[in-house]
Protein backbone atom coordinates (compact mmCIF):
# COMPACT_ATOMS: atom_id res chain seq x y z
CA MET A 1 0.00 0.00 0.00
CA LEU A 2 2.89 2.37 0.77
CA GLY A 3 5.35 0.62 -1.51
CA LYS A 4 5.49 3.60 -3.83
CA THR A 5 6.94 5.73 -1.01
CA LEU A 6 8.97 2.90 0.59
CA GLY A 7 6.64 2.63 3.56
CA VAL A 8 6.73 6.34 4.42
CA PRO A 9 3.43 8.33 4.34
CA LEU A 10 4.53 11.28 2.20
CA PHE A 11 1.18 12.31 0.72
CA GLN A 12 -2.24 12.98 2.19
CA GLU A 13 -3.59 10.15 0.06
CA SER A 14 -1.34 7.81 2.08
CA ALA A 15 -3.22 8.66 5.28
CA VAL A 16 -6.53 8.08 3.55
CA LYS A 17 -5.41 4.64 2.31
CA VAL A 18 -4.09 3.58 5.74
CA ALA A 19 -7.34 4.62 7.43
CA MET A 20 -9.58 2.87 4.90
CA VAL A 21 -7.60 -0.34 4.36
CA CYS A 22 -6.08 -0.90 7.80
CA ALA A 23 -8.76 0.56 10.10
CA GLY A 24 -12.00 0.17 8.13
CA PHE A 25 -12.75 3.91 7.76
CA THR A 26 -15.33 4.97 5.22
CA ALA A 27 -14.22 7.36 2.48
CA GLY A 28 -15.92 10.27 4.28
CA GLU A 29 -14.34 9.41 7.63
CA ALA A 30 -10.89 9.08 6.03
CA ASP A 31 -11.25 12.48 4.38
CA GLN A 32 -12.24 14.04 7.71
CA LEU A 33 -9.13 12.47 9.26
CA ARG A 34 -6.98 13.99 6.52
CA LYS A 35 -8.43 17.45 7.09
CA SER A 36 -8.03 17.15 10.87
CA MET A 37 -4.38 16.14 10.55
CA ALA A 38 -3.64 19.17 8.40
CA THR A 39 -4.86 21.48 11.18
CA PHE A 40 -4.26 19.46 14.34
CA LYS A 41 -1.69 21.94 15.70
CA PHE A 42 -4.34 24.63 15.70
CA THR A 43 -7.56 22.73 16.48
CA GLY A 44 -6.46 19.43 18.02
CA GLY A 45 -9.32 17.73 16.13
CA VAL A 46 -7.27 14.68 15.15
CA SER A 47 -7.52 13.23 18.66
CA ARG A 48 -11.14 12.26 18.14
CA PHE A 49 -10.02 9.79 15.45
CA GLN A 50 -7.30 8.18 17.56
CA THR A 51 -9.44 5.58 19.29
CA LYS A 52 -11.36 4.67 16.13
CA LEU A 53 -8.19 4.23 14.07
CA ILE A 54 -6.31 2.21 16.70
CA ASP A 55 -9.30 -0.01 17.52
CA GLY A 56 -10.02 -0.46 13.84
CA MET A 57 -6.47 -1.64 13.17
CA VAL A 58 -6.57 -4.01 16.17
CA ASN A 59 -9.81 -5.50 14.86
CA LYS A 60 -8.10 -6.00 11.51
CA GLY A 61 -5.39 -8.11 13.17
CA TYR A 62 -2.66 -5.51 13.82
CA SER A 63 -1.03 -5.28 17.24
CA ARG A 64 -2.03 -2.35 19.44
CA GLU A 65 1.60 -1.23 19.66
CA PHE A 66 1.87 -1.11 15.85
CA ALA A 67 -1.49 0.68 15.59
CA GLU A 68 -0.41 3.36 18.08
CA LYS A 69 2.89 3.82 16.25
CA THR A 70 1.05 4.17 12.96
CA PHE A 71 -1.25 6.84 14.40
CA LYS A 72 1.71 8.82 15.78
CA GLN A 73 3.39 8.65 12.38
CA LEU A 74 0.27 9.92 10.62
CA GLU A 75 -0.18 12.64 13.24
CA GLY A 76 3.37 13.91 12.72
CA PHE A 77 3.01 13.70 8.94
CA GLY A 78 -0.08 15.89 8.97
CA SER A 79 1.81 19.12 9.64
CA TYR A 80 3.84 18.94 6.41
CA GLY A 81 1.99 16.55 4.08
CA PHE A 82 0.76 17.61 0.64
CA PRO A 83 -1.67 16.01 -1.76
CA GLU A 84 0.33 13.98 -4.27
CA SER A 85 -0.70 16.22 -7.16
CA HIS A 86 0.52 19.33 -5.33
CA ALA A 87 3.77 17.65 -4.38
CA ALA A 88 4.38 16.57 -7.96
CA SER A 89 3.72 20.09 -9.28
CA PHE A 90 6.08 21.61 -6.72
CA ALA A 91 8.73 18.97 -7.46
CA LEU A 92 8.57 19.77 -11.17
CA ILE A 93 9.02 23.50 -10.53
CA ALA A 94 11.88 22.83 -8.09
CA TYR A 95 13.61 20.47 -10.55
CA ALA A 96 13.23 22.89 -13.46
CA SER A 97 14.56 25.76 -11.33
CA CYS A 98 17.58 23.72 -10.25
CA PHE A 99 18.26 22.67 -13.86
CA ILE A 100 18.15 26.26 -15.12
CA LYS A 101 20.28 27.55 -12.24
CA CYS A 102 22.87 24.84 -12.87
CA HIS A 103 23.11 25.09 -16.66
CA TYR A 104 21.92 28.67 -17.34
CA PRO A 105 22.79 30.65 -14.18
CA GLU A 106 22.72 34.01 -15.96
CA ALA A 107 19.17 33.46 -17.25
CA PHE A 108 18.04 32.23 -13.84
CA ALA A 109 19.43 35.27 -12.00
CA ALA A 110 18.06 37.73 -14.57
CA ALA A 111 14.60 36.15 -14.31
CA LEU A 112 14.66 36.44 -10.52
CA MET A 113 15.71 40.08 -10.71
CA ASN A 114 12.88 40.82 -13.12
CA SER A 115 10.40 39.16 -10.74
CA LEU A 116 11.26 41.35 -7.76
CA PRO A 117 9.93 42.18 -5.28
CA MET A 118 9.36 38.57 -4.30
CA GLY A 119 10.37 35.79 -1.98
CA PHE A 120 13.20 35.39 0.44
CA TYR A 121 16.20 37.00 -1.22
CA ALA A 122 17.13 40.64 -1.77
CA PRO A 123 18.65 41.88 -5.08
CA ALA A 124 22.17 42.03 -3.63
CA GLN A 125 21.98 38.35 -2.63
CA ILE A 126 20.73 37.22 -6.04
CA ILE A 127 23.46 39.11 -7.88
CA GLY A 128 26.12 38.09 -5.37
CA ASP A 129 25.24 34.42 -5.78
CA ALA A 130 25.33 34.74 -9.58
CA GLN A 131 28.79 36.30 -9.43
CA LYS A 132 30.04 33.50 -7.16
CA HIS A 133 28.92 31.05 -9.85
CA GLY A 134 30.93 32.79 -12.55
CA VAL A 135 28.27 35.03 -14.07
CA GLU A 136 29.43 38.41 -15.35
CA VAL A 137 27.16 41.23 -14.19
CA ARG A 138 27.27 44.59 -15.94
CA PRO A 139 26.10 47.87 -14.40
CA ILE A 140 23.06 49.96 -15.28
CA SER A 141 23.75 52.06 -18.37
CA VAL A 142 21.61 54.62 -20.21
CA ALA A 143 23.25 53.37 -23.43
CA HIS A 144 22.61 49.65 -22.91
CA SER A 145 20.04 48.91 -20.20
CA ARG A 146 16.35 48.39 -20.74
CA TRP A 147 13.68 48.37 -18.03
CA ASP A 148 14.24 44.68 -17.23
CA CYS A 149 17.56 42.96 -16.69
CA THR A 150 18.74 41.51 -20.00
CA LEU A 151 21.39 39.10 -21.28
CA GLU A 152 24.29 40.28 -23.45
CA GLU A 153 26.56 38.00 -25.44
CA ILE A 154 30.16 37.65 -24.29
CA PRO A 155 32.30 37.70 -27.46
CA GLY A 156 34.14 34.47 -28.19
CA THR A 157 32.06 32.36 -25.81
CA ASP A 158 28.64 30.78 -25.64
CA ARG A 159 27.97 32.51 -22.31
CA HIS A 160 26.01 35.64 -21.56
CA ALA A 161 26.42 38.51 -19.12
CA ILE A 162 23.61 40.08 -17.13
CA ARG A 163 22.97 43.74 -17.85
CA LEU A 164 21.16 45.27 -14.88
CA GLY A 165 17.92 46.92 -15.86
CA MET A 166 16.83 50.45 -15.08
CA ARG A 167 14.00 49.01 -13.00
CA GLN A 168 16.59 48.85 -10.20
CA VAL A 169 16.95 52.65 -10.08
CA ALA A 170 15.06 53.97 -7.08
CA GLY A 171 12.14 56.21 -8.05
CA LEU A 172 12.65 56.01 -11.83
CA ALA A 173 9.40 55.75 -13.80
CA ALA A 174 8.93 53.03 -16.40
CA ALA A 175 7.56 55.61 -18.84
CA ASP A 176 10.80 57.61 -18.69
CA VAL A 177 12.84 54.46 -19.30
CA ALA A 178 10.68 53.68 -22.34
CA ARG A 179 11.36 57.15 -23.79
CA ILE A 180 15.11 56.67 -23.33
CA VAL A 181 15.10 53.23 -24.97
CA VAL A 182 13.07 54.46 -27.95
CA ALA A 183 15.25 57.56 -28.42
CA ARG A 184 18.50 55.58 -28.70
CA ILE A 185 17.18 53.20 -31.38
CA GLU A 186 18.01 55.66 -34.17
CA ARG A 187 21.59 56.24 -32.98
CA PRO A 188 23.56 55.98 -29.75
CA PHE A 189 23.54 58.81 -27.24
CA GLU A 190 26.59 61.09 -27.19
CA SER A 191 26.21 63.00 -23.94
CA VAL A 192 23.93 63.75 -21.01
CA ASP A 193 22.50 66.68 -22.95
CA ASP A 194 21.84 64.37 -25.90
CA VAL A 195 19.92 61.95 -23.69
CA TRP A 196 17.81 64.75 -22.26
CA ARG A 197 17.12 66.46 -25.58
CA ARG A 198 16.22 63.40 -27.64
CA SER A 199 14.35 61.40 -25.01
CA GLU A 200 12.52 64.45 -23.60
CA VAL A 201 12.54 63.02 -20.10
CA PRO A 202 12.48 65.49 -17.18
CA SER A 203 15.77 66.38 -15.56
CA GLU A 204 14.62 64.67 -12.37
CA ALA A 205 14.73 61.31 -14.17
CA LEU A 206 18.30 62.05 -15.28
CA VAL A 207 19.24 62.89 -11.68
CA GLN A 208 17.92 59.49 -10.57
CA LEU A 209 20.00 57.80 -13.27
CA ALA A 210 23.09 59.80 -12.34
CA GLU A 211 22.68 58.89 -8.67
CA ALA A 212 22.53 55.25 -9.79
CA ASP A 213 25.80 55.77 -11.73
CA ALA A 214 24.11 54.95 -15.04
CA PHE A 215 26.16 57.48 -17.04
CA ARG A 216 29.58 56.03 -16.19
CA PRO A 217 29.27 52.90 -18.43
CA ALA A 218 27.82 55.03 -21.24
CA PHE A 219 30.00 58.16 -21.24
CA GLY A 220 32.67 57.54 -18.61
CA LEU A 221 31.11 60.14 -16.31
CA GLU A 222 31.41 59.62 -12.57
CA ARG A 223 28.41 60.40 -10.39
CA ARG A 224 29.38 63.96 -9.56
CA ASP A 225 30.36 64.74 -13.16
CA ALA A 226 26.98 63.50 -14.40
CA LEU A 227 25.09 65.45 -11.74
CA TRP A 228 27.08 68.57 -12.64
CA ALA A 229 26.17 68.13 -16.32
CA ILE A 230 22.50 67.75 -15.41
CA LYS A 231 22.59 71.00 -13.44
CA ALA A 232 23.19 72.80 -16.74
CA LEU A 233 19.94 71.42 -18.21
CA ARG A 234 16.55 73.02 -18.09
CA ASP A 235 13.20 71.30 -18.48
CA GLU A 236 12.68 73.80 -21.32
CA PRO A 237 15.67 74.62 -23.61
CA LEU A 238 16.67 78.25 -24.01
CA PRO A 239 14.74 79.61 -27.04
CA LEU A 240 17.85 81.25 -28.51
CA PHE A 241 19.48 77.91 -29.26
CA VAL A 242 16.43 75.72 -29.97
CA ALA A 243 16.41 76.35 -33.74
CA ALA A 244 20.16 75.83 -34.10
CA ALA A 245 20.09 72.63 -32.07
CA ALA A 246 17.13 71.31 -34.08
CA ARG A 247 18.91 72.07 -37.34
CA GLU A 248 22.13 70.36 -36.29
CA GLU A 249 20.23 67.54 -34.54
CA ARG A 250 22.63 67.86 -31.64
CA ALA A 251 23.60 70.39 -28.99
CA VAL A 252 25.40 73.37 -30.49
CA ALA A 253 28.68 74.66 -29.05
CA GLU A 254 26.96 77.53 -27.25
CA GLN A 255 24.95 75.02 -25.24
CA GLN A 256 28.00 73.15 -23.98
CA GLU A 257 29.11 73.86 -20.43
CA PRO A 258 32.84 74.41 -19.80
CA GLU A 259 34.65 71.43 -18.34
CA VAL A 260 35.06 71.47 -14.57
CA VAL A 261 37.32 69.11 -12.61
CA LEU A 262 35.39 67.86 -9.59
CA ARG A 263 36.70 65.92 -6.62
CA GLN A 264 35.30 62.42 -7.05
CA MET A 265 33.68 60.20 -4.45
CA THR A 266 35.77 57.62 -2.67
CA GLU A 267 35.12 53.97 -3.43
CA GLY A 268 33.39 53.63 -0.07
CA HIS A 269 31.12 56.59 -0.84
CA ASN A 270 30.23 55.02 -4.18
CA VAL A 271 29.21 51.82 -2.39
CA VAL A 272 26.94 53.85 -0.10
CA GLU A 273 25.34 55.51 -3.13
CA ASP A 274 24.96 52.16 -4.92
CA TYR A 275 22.97 50.72 -2.04
CA ALA A 276 20.93 53.89 -1.64
CA HIS A 277 19.88 54.18 -5.29
CA VAL A 278 20.20 50.65 -6.76
CA GLY A 279 19.90 48.36 -3.75
CA LEU A 280 23.16 46.53 -4.53
CA THR A 281 26.72 47.20 -5.59
CA LEU A 282 29.07 45.64 -8.13
CA ARG A 283 32.00 47.18 -6.28
CA ALA A 284 33.65 45.80 -3.14
CA HIS A 285 31.47 44.55 -0.30
CA PRO A 286 30.77 47.25 2.32
CA ILE A 287 32.33 45.23 5.13
CA SER A 288 35.62 44.99 3.22
CA PHE A 289 36.22 48.70 3.91
CA LEU A 290 35.89 48.03 7.64
CA ARG A 291 37.88 44.78 7.74
CA ARG A 292 41.07 46.33 9.09
CA ASP A 293 39.22 47.84 12.03
CA LEU A 294 37.26 44.65 12.65
CA THR A 295 40.40 42.52 12.60
CA ALA A 296 42.00 44.83 15.14
CA ARG A 297 39.01 44.10 17.40
CA ARG A 298 39.48 40.33 16.91
CA ILE A 299 36.31 40.01 14.88
CA VAL A 300 36.65 37.16 12.37
CA THR A 301 35.09 36.81 8.93
CA CYS A 302 31.89 34.86 8.33
CA ALA A 303 33.84 32.23 6.36
CA ASP A 304 36.28 31.70 9.23
CA ALA A 305 33.39 31.46 11.70
CA MET A 306 31.52 28.83 9.69
CA ASN A 307 34.75 26.80 9.30
CA ALA A 308 35.70 26.99 12.99
CA ARG A 309 35.80 23.96 15.27
CA ASP A 310 32.73 22.88 17.20
CA LYS A 311 32.25 24.74 20.50
CA SER A 312 34.75 27.45 19.52
CA TRP A 313 34.14 30.90 21.01
CA LEU A 314 34.50 33.78 18.58
CA CYS A 315 33.04 37.08 17.39
CA VAL A 316 31.74 37.73 13.88
CA ALA A 317 30.28 40.84 12.24
CA GLY A 318 28.28 41.49 9.09
CA LEU A 319 25.31 43.10 7.41
CA VAL A 320 21.95 41.79 8.57
CA LEU A 321 20.30 40.08 5.63
CA VAL A 322 17.46 38.08 7.16
CA ARG A 323 15.73 37.83 10.51
CA GLN A 324 13.44 34.86 11.08
CA LYS A 325 11.32 33.95 14.06
CA PRO A 326 9.19 30.96 13.03
CA GLY A 327 6.10 30.22 15.09
CA SER A 328 7.30 26.67 15.67
CA ALA A 329 10.71 27.80 17.04
CA LYS A 330 9.39 28.72 20.52
CA GLY A 331 10.69 32.28 20.40
CA VAL A 332 14.11 31.51 18.88
CA MET A 333 15.35 34.11 16.36
CA PHE A 334 17.45 33.06 13.36
CA ILE A 335 19.63 35.75 11.78
CA THR A 336 21.73 35.64 8.61
CA LEU A 337 24.79 37.90 8.51
CA GLU A 338 26.89 38.61 5.41
CA ASP A 339 30.38 39.99 4.89
CA GLU A 340 32.82 39.95 1.96
CA THR A 341 33.57 36.23 2.51
CA GLY A 342 30.05 34.82 2.72
CA ILE A 343 27.26 34.36 5.25
CA ALA A 344 26.98 33.22 8.87
CA ASN A 345 23.93 31.64 10.48
CA ILE A 346 23.12 32.98 13.94
CA VAL A 347 20.80 31.58 16.63
CA VAL A 348 19.46 34.02 19.24
CA TRP A 349 17.72 32.48 22.25
CA PRO A 350 14.53 34.18 23.55
CA SER A 351 16.22 35.47 26.73
CA LEU A 352 18.92 37.31 24.76
CA PHE A 353 16.35 38.52 22.23
CA GLU A 354 14.29 40.17 24.98
CA LYS A 355 17.36 41.82 26.50
CA ARG A 356 18.64 43.15 23.16
CA ARG A 357 15.41 43.50 21.21
CA ARG A 358 16.25 46.94 19.82
CA VAL A 359 19.61 45.78 18.46
CA VAL A 360 18.25 42.52 17.02
CA LEU A 361 15.37 44.20 15.22
CA GLY A 362 16.92 47.54 14.30
CA ALA A 363 20.61 47.06 13.46
CA SER A 364 21.83 47.14 9.86
CA MET A 365 25.18 45.70 10.95
CA MET A 366 25.85 43.58 14.01
CA ALA A 367 28.78 42.04 15.84
CA ILE A 368 27.84 38.77 17.54
CA GLN A 369 29.93 36.88 20.05
CA GLY A 370 29.05 33.29 20.77
CA LYS A 371 29.84 29.58 20.50
CA ILE A 372 29.96 27.52 17.31
CA GLN A 373 27.56 24.60 17.11
CA ARG A 374 28.40 22.11 14.38
CA GLU A 375 26.27 19.10 13.44
CA GLY A 376 27.64 17.58 10.25
CA ASP A 377 27.53 20.22 7.53
CA VAL A 378 25.09 22.41 9.49
CA VAL A 379 26.89 25.18 11.38
CA HIS A 380 25.38 27.87 13.61
CA LEU A 381 26.79 30.50 15.93
CA ILE A 382 24.85 30.49 19.21
CA ALA A 383 24.76 34.15 20.21
CA ARG A 384 25.78 35.20 23.71
CA GLN A 385 26.38 38.91 23.17
CA LEU A 386 25.14 41.35 20.50
CA GLU A 387 26.50 44.75 19.49
CA ASP A 388 25.01 47.24 17.06
CA LEU A 389 27.70 48.34 14.57
CA SER A 390 25.39 50.39 12.36
CA GLY A 391 27.30 53.48 13.42
CA ASP A 392 30.47 52.03 11.86
CA LEU A 393 28.77 52.27 8.48
CA SER A 394 28.08 55.97 8.88
CA ALA A 395 31.72 56.83 8.05
CA LEU A 396 31.88 54.42 5.12
CA ALA A 397 31.41 57.24 2.64
CA ASP A 398 34.80 58.63 3.67
CA ARG A 399 36.68 55.34 3.34
CA ASP A 400 38.53 53.89 0.40
CA THR A 401 40.04 50.50 -0.23
CA GLU A 402 43.45 51.88 0.81
CA PHE A 403 43.52 54.14 3.84
CA LYS A 404 45.69 57.24 3.64
CA ASN A 405 47.94 57.27 6.70
CA PRO A 406 48.64 60.74 8.15
CA SER A 407 52.23 61.78 8.78
CA GLY A 408 51.55 62.80 12.38
CA ARG A 409 49.99 60.93 15.28
CA GLY A 410 46.52 59.50 14.83
CA ASP A 411 44.77 62.18 16.81
CA GLU A 412 46.60 64.89 14.94
CA PHE A 413 44.94 63.84 11.71
CA ALA A 414 41.51 64.28 13.26
CA HIS A 415 42.43 67.60 14.84
CA GLY A 416 44.04 69.10 11.74
CA SER A 417 47.81 68.99 12.24
CA PRO A 418 49.99 70.55 9.48
CA GLY A 419 50.98 67.09 8.24
CA GLY A 420 47.52 65.69 8.39
CA GLY A 421 46.79 65.68 4.66
CA ASP A 422 43.86 67.22 2.80
CA ALA A 423 41.13 68.22 5.25
CA ARG A 424 38.50 66.95 2.80
CA ASP A 425 39.94 63.43 3.10
CA ARG A 426 39.57 63.30 6.87
CA PRO A 427 36.70 61.27 8.36
CA LYS A 428 33.87 63.39 9.68
CA SER A 429 33.55 63.47 13.45
CA ILE A 430 30.43 61.82 14.83
CA PRO A 431 28.84 63.47 17.88
CA GLU A 432 28.14 61.39 20.95
CA ALA A 433 24.72 59.78 20.99
CA ARG A 434 21.97 61.56 22.86
CA GLU A 435 18.30 60.75 23.31
CA ILE A 436 17.35 63.13 20.50
CA TYR A 437 20.10 61.87 18.19
CA VAL A 438 20.03 58.41 16.63
CA ARG A 439 23.38 57.36 15.15
CA ASP A 440 21.64 54.96 12.75
CA LEU A 441 20.06 57.94 11.01
CA HIS A 442 23.36 59.52 9.92
CA ILE A 443 22.95 60.85 6.39
CA ASP A 444 25.79 58.70 5.04
CA THR A 445 24.79 55.48 6.77
CA LEU A 446 24.59 52.52 4.44
CA LYS A 447 20.97 51.43 4.18
CA VAL A 448 20.66 47.66 3.76
CA LYS A 449 17.15 46.25 3.56
CA SER A 450 16.91 43.02 5.54
CA ARG A 451 14.06 40.54 5.34
CA ASN A 452 12.11 40.05 8.59
CA PHE A 453 9.97 36.94 8.91
CA GLN A 454 8.13 36.79 12.22
């Protein structure tokens, strides 16, 4: 009867068969048993069938011990069992998804990005996973991107790269993207002014694209250069030059702004802007800019933590990706942290959660000290202490991959000694926290959206 599933009741139909064949249930009674098992955790209705099923199996010649064991097995199965048709449909989708992810990872990642917002994973995680599997990801570009993420051929190979779509730009309207795509069909854009003039999108849309760094792949313009060029535009061109520009089909010399050399953002500042306006970055991971400081505080990487020996005590830090508090976990919180080396799985017991609720629920970046628990390939860090490091991200905009060491003592750099370097390169001082001042709300703080499942 259960030979198809090797004696294990995997489907709801299995419970119905056992009840009818082994215990003499009618079809209606067996269906009521199935429905009760599916909701027994909430209603407890399955208990009313226990005596009938056990007695029915005993009357059919089964031992009482076997009958009771069978009932317990069916009772436990009820909380996760599916009808066979549903299970088969889900299995087909899962198999097809795994096949596509294995053999066509670029198409799989692009499809997920175009389906957002959805599911468990944020855009940065989807793109990060694709990159780890060898997929080339190209940035948003006004000269190449469409609304959706698309695939671009990689010359000399049969592989494709993902071109991020302009749908990722915060606040950008689909109608403005459509105007840009249509305008570049005739010929490629030549400048920011050319994009604005031919697409006829408002300057606000161009500002959103510039903040997302969409002009750098197209024209080699850094964020500040693109924003400076947009400042010279008007939503209505100056009448004096309209006729000349229309005749030449391009901006005339009188409309060109003189070149200005601007001080560019640091790499760390660019990462902050990427997260703020795109939701992900193709540059270095934010934690990599803080690694030197973290190492000095004996905070290990996520990869080192997950490879540590069982029962090791250590401290790990990372961006908070996911917070989960399943109803069946009896108040236990599961947190996923990420740094430049990977992810770490954290377990927070209810007592610690209640003590540090504000940190657990509000921090964008956390340091967690605890003990490693390893069971086979499953590794968790059991949290004992939590620290909110969101404030460490507030100075990220002033950091670069290589720190510029001052010639004087460390405090002299902060206080402006003669050998302290360019004052613009010095990290901004952060005032001490007060009740009316929340460090997490610093204007340059990296905003990372985590997924909370409670």
